[in-house]
Amino acid sequence: MSFAHEAADFDDLLAIVAKKRRLSLGLVEKDYWVTHTLWALHGLGLEI
């Protein structure tokens, strides 16, 4: 399995989303990592 953050153009992807949604780049990146963390915790069998 590959993840978006492993791609060489991950920063460009974040910038595109931030611009399209009119959000700060930091907010978009934070949301990505929160989502990724929740996914990983779920994969360990934890329920949130």
N, C-alpha and C. Protein backbone atom coordinates (compact mmCIF):
# COMPACT_ATOMS: atom_id res chain seq x y z
N MET A 1 0.84 -1.17 0.00
CA MET A 1 0.00 0.00 0.00
C MET A 1 0.89 1.24 0.00
N SER A 2 0.51 2.21 -0.76
CA SER A 2 1.26 3.47 -0.76
C SER A 2 0.38 4.59 -0.22
N PHE A 3 1.02 5.59 0.29
CA PHE A 3 0.31 6.72 0.89
C PHE A 3 0.67 8.00 0.16
N ALA A 4 -0.23 8.96 0.22
CA ALA A 4 -0.01 10.25 -0.46
C ALA A 4 1.27 10.92 0.04
N HIS A 5 1.54 10.82 1.33
CA HIS A 5 2.72 11.51 1.87
C HIS A 5 4.04 10.88 1.42
N GLU A 6 4.00 9.72 0.82
CA GLU A 6 5.20 9.09 0.30
C GLU A 6 5.54 9.56 -1.12
N ALA A 7 4.61 10.25 -1.75
CA ALA A 7 4.84 10.72 -3.12
C ALA A 7 5.77 11.93 -3.12
N ALA A 8 6.58 12.00 -4.14
CA ALA A 8 7.53 13.11 -4.26
C ALA A 8 6.82 14.46 -4.37
N ASP A 9 5.61 14.46 -4.90
CA ASP A 9 4.88 15.72 -5.08
C ASP A 9 3.80 15.95 -4.01
N PHE A 10 3.99 15.36 -2.84
CA PHE A 10 3.01 15.51 -1.75
C PHE A 10 2.79 16.98 -1.40
N ASP A 11 3.85 17.76 -1.32
CA ASP A 11 3.72 19.18 -0.99
C ASP A 11 2.90 19.91 -2.04
N ASP A 12 3.08 19.54 -3.31
CA ASP A 12 2.30 20.16 -4.38
C ASP A 12 0.82 19.79 -4.25
N LEU A 13 0.54 18.56 -3.90
CA LEU A 13 -0.84 18.12 -3.70
C LEU A 13 -1.51 18.92 -2.58
N LEU A 14 -0.80 19.07 -1.48
CA LEU A 14 -1.35 19.86 -0.37
C LEU A 14 -1.63 21.29 -0.81
N ALA A 15 -0.72 21.86 -1.57
CA ALA A 15 -0.88 23.24 -2.04
C ALA A 15 -2.09 23.37 -2.97
N ILE A 16 -2.31 22.40 -3.82
CA ILE A 16 -3.46 22.44 -4.73
C ILE A 16 -4.76 22.39 -3.94
N VAL A 17 -4.82 21.49 -2.97
CA VAL A 17 -6.04 21.37 -2.15
C VAL A 17 -6.27 22.66 -1.37
N ALA A 18 -5.22 23.20 -0.78
CA ALA A 18 -5.34 24.43 0.01
C ALA A 18 -5.85 25.58 -0.85
N LYS A 19 -5.29 25.70 -2.04
CA LYS A 19 -5.71 26.80 -2.92
C LYS A 19 -7.15 26.62 -3.38
N LYS A 20 -7.50 25.40 -3.79
CA LYS A 20 -8.85 25.14 -4.30
C LYS A 20 -9.91 25.36 -3.22
N ARG A 21 -9.60 24.97 -1.99
CA ARG A 21 -10.56 25.08 -0.89
C ARG A 21 -10.43 26.39 -0.11
N ARG A 22 -9.44 27.21 -0.51
CA ARG A 22 -9.17 28.49 0.17
C ARG A 22 -8.88 28.28 1.65
N LEU A 23 -8.02 27.32 1.93
CA LEU A 23 -7.60 27.00 3.29
C LEU A 23 -6.10 27.22 3.40
N SER A 24 -5.63 27.37 4.62
CA SER A 24 -4.19 27.50 4.80
C SER A 24 -3.53 26.14 4.55
N LEU A 25 -2.33 26.20 4.06
CA LEU A 25 -1.57 24.99 3.77
C LEU A 25 -1.39 24.17 5.04
N GLY A 26 -1.11 24.83 6.15
CA GLY A 26 -0.92 24.14 7.41
C GLY A 26 -2.17 23.38 7.86
N LEU A 27 -3.32 23.97 7.64
CA LEU A 27 -4.58 23.32 8.01
C LEU A 27 -4.81 22.07 7.18
N VAL A 28 -4.54 22.14 5.90
CA VAL A 28 -4.71 20.98 5.01
C VAL A 28 -3.75 19.87 5.42
N GLU A 29 -2.50 20.23 5.70
CA GLU A 29 -1.54 19.21 6.10
C GLU A 29 -1.92 18.59 7.45
N LYS A 30 -2.37 19.40 8.39
CA LYS A 30 -2.80 18.89 9.69
C LYS A 30 -3.95 17.91 9.52
N ASP A 31 -4.94 18.27 8.72
CA ASP A 31 -6.08 17.38 8.49
C ASP A 31 -5.64 16.06 7.87
N TYR A 32 -4.68 16.12 6.95
CA TYR A 32 -4.18 14.88 6.35
C TYR A 32 -3.60 13.97 7.44
N TRP A 33 -2.73 14.53 8.28
CA TRP A 33 -2.06 13.71 9.29
C TRP A 33 -3.02 13.22 10.36
N VAL A 34 -4.01 14.01 10.73
CA VAL A 34 -5.02 13.54 11.69
C VAL A 34 -5.77 12.36 11.10
N THR A 35 -6.19 12.48 9.85
CA THR A 35 -6.91 11.40 9.19
C THR A 35 -6.04 10.15 9.08
N HIS A 36 -4.79 10.34 8.71
CA HIS A 36 -3.86 9.21 8.57
C HIS A 36 -3.66 8.52 9.92
N THR A 37 -3.53 9.29 10.98
CA THR A 37 -3.35 8.74 12.32
C THR A 37 -4.58 7.95 12.76
N LEU A 38 -5.77 8.50 12.53
CA LEU A 38 -6.99 7.78 12.89
C LEU A 38 -7.11 6.48 12.11
N TRP A 39 -6.74 6.51 10.83
CA TRP A 39 -6.76 5.29 10.01
C TRP A 39 -5.81 4.24 10.59
N ALA A 40 -4.61 4.68 10.99
CA ALA A 40 -3.62 3.75 11.53
C ALA A 40 -4.10 3.16 12.86
N LEU A 41 -4.70 3.98 13.70
CA LEU A 41 -5.22 3.47 14.98
C LEU A 41 -6.33 2.45 14.75
N HIS A 42 -7.18 2.74 13.78
CA HIS A 42 -8.25 1.79 13.43
C HIS A 42 -7.64 0.46 12.95
N GLY A 43 -6.58 0.56 12.16
CA GLY A 43 -5.91 -0.63 11.67
C GLY A 43 -5.31 -1.48 12.78
N LEU A 44 -5.02 -0.86 13.92
CA LEU A 44 -4.51 -1.60 15.07
C LEU A 44 -5.64 -2.23 15.89
N GLY A 45 -6.87 -1.96 15.47
CA GLY A 45 -8.00 -2.54 16.16
C GLY A 45 -8.61 -1.64 17.23
N LEU A 46 -8.12 -0.41 17.32
CA LEU A 46 -8.67 0.52 18.30
C LEU A 46 -9.91 1.19 17.74
N GLU A 47 -10.89 1.36 18.57
CA GLU A 47 -12.11 2.04 18.15
C GLU A 47 -12.13 3.42 18.79
N ILE A 48 -12.44 4.40 17.98
CA ILE A 48 -12.46 5.78 18.47
C ILE A 48 -13.85 6.34 18.25
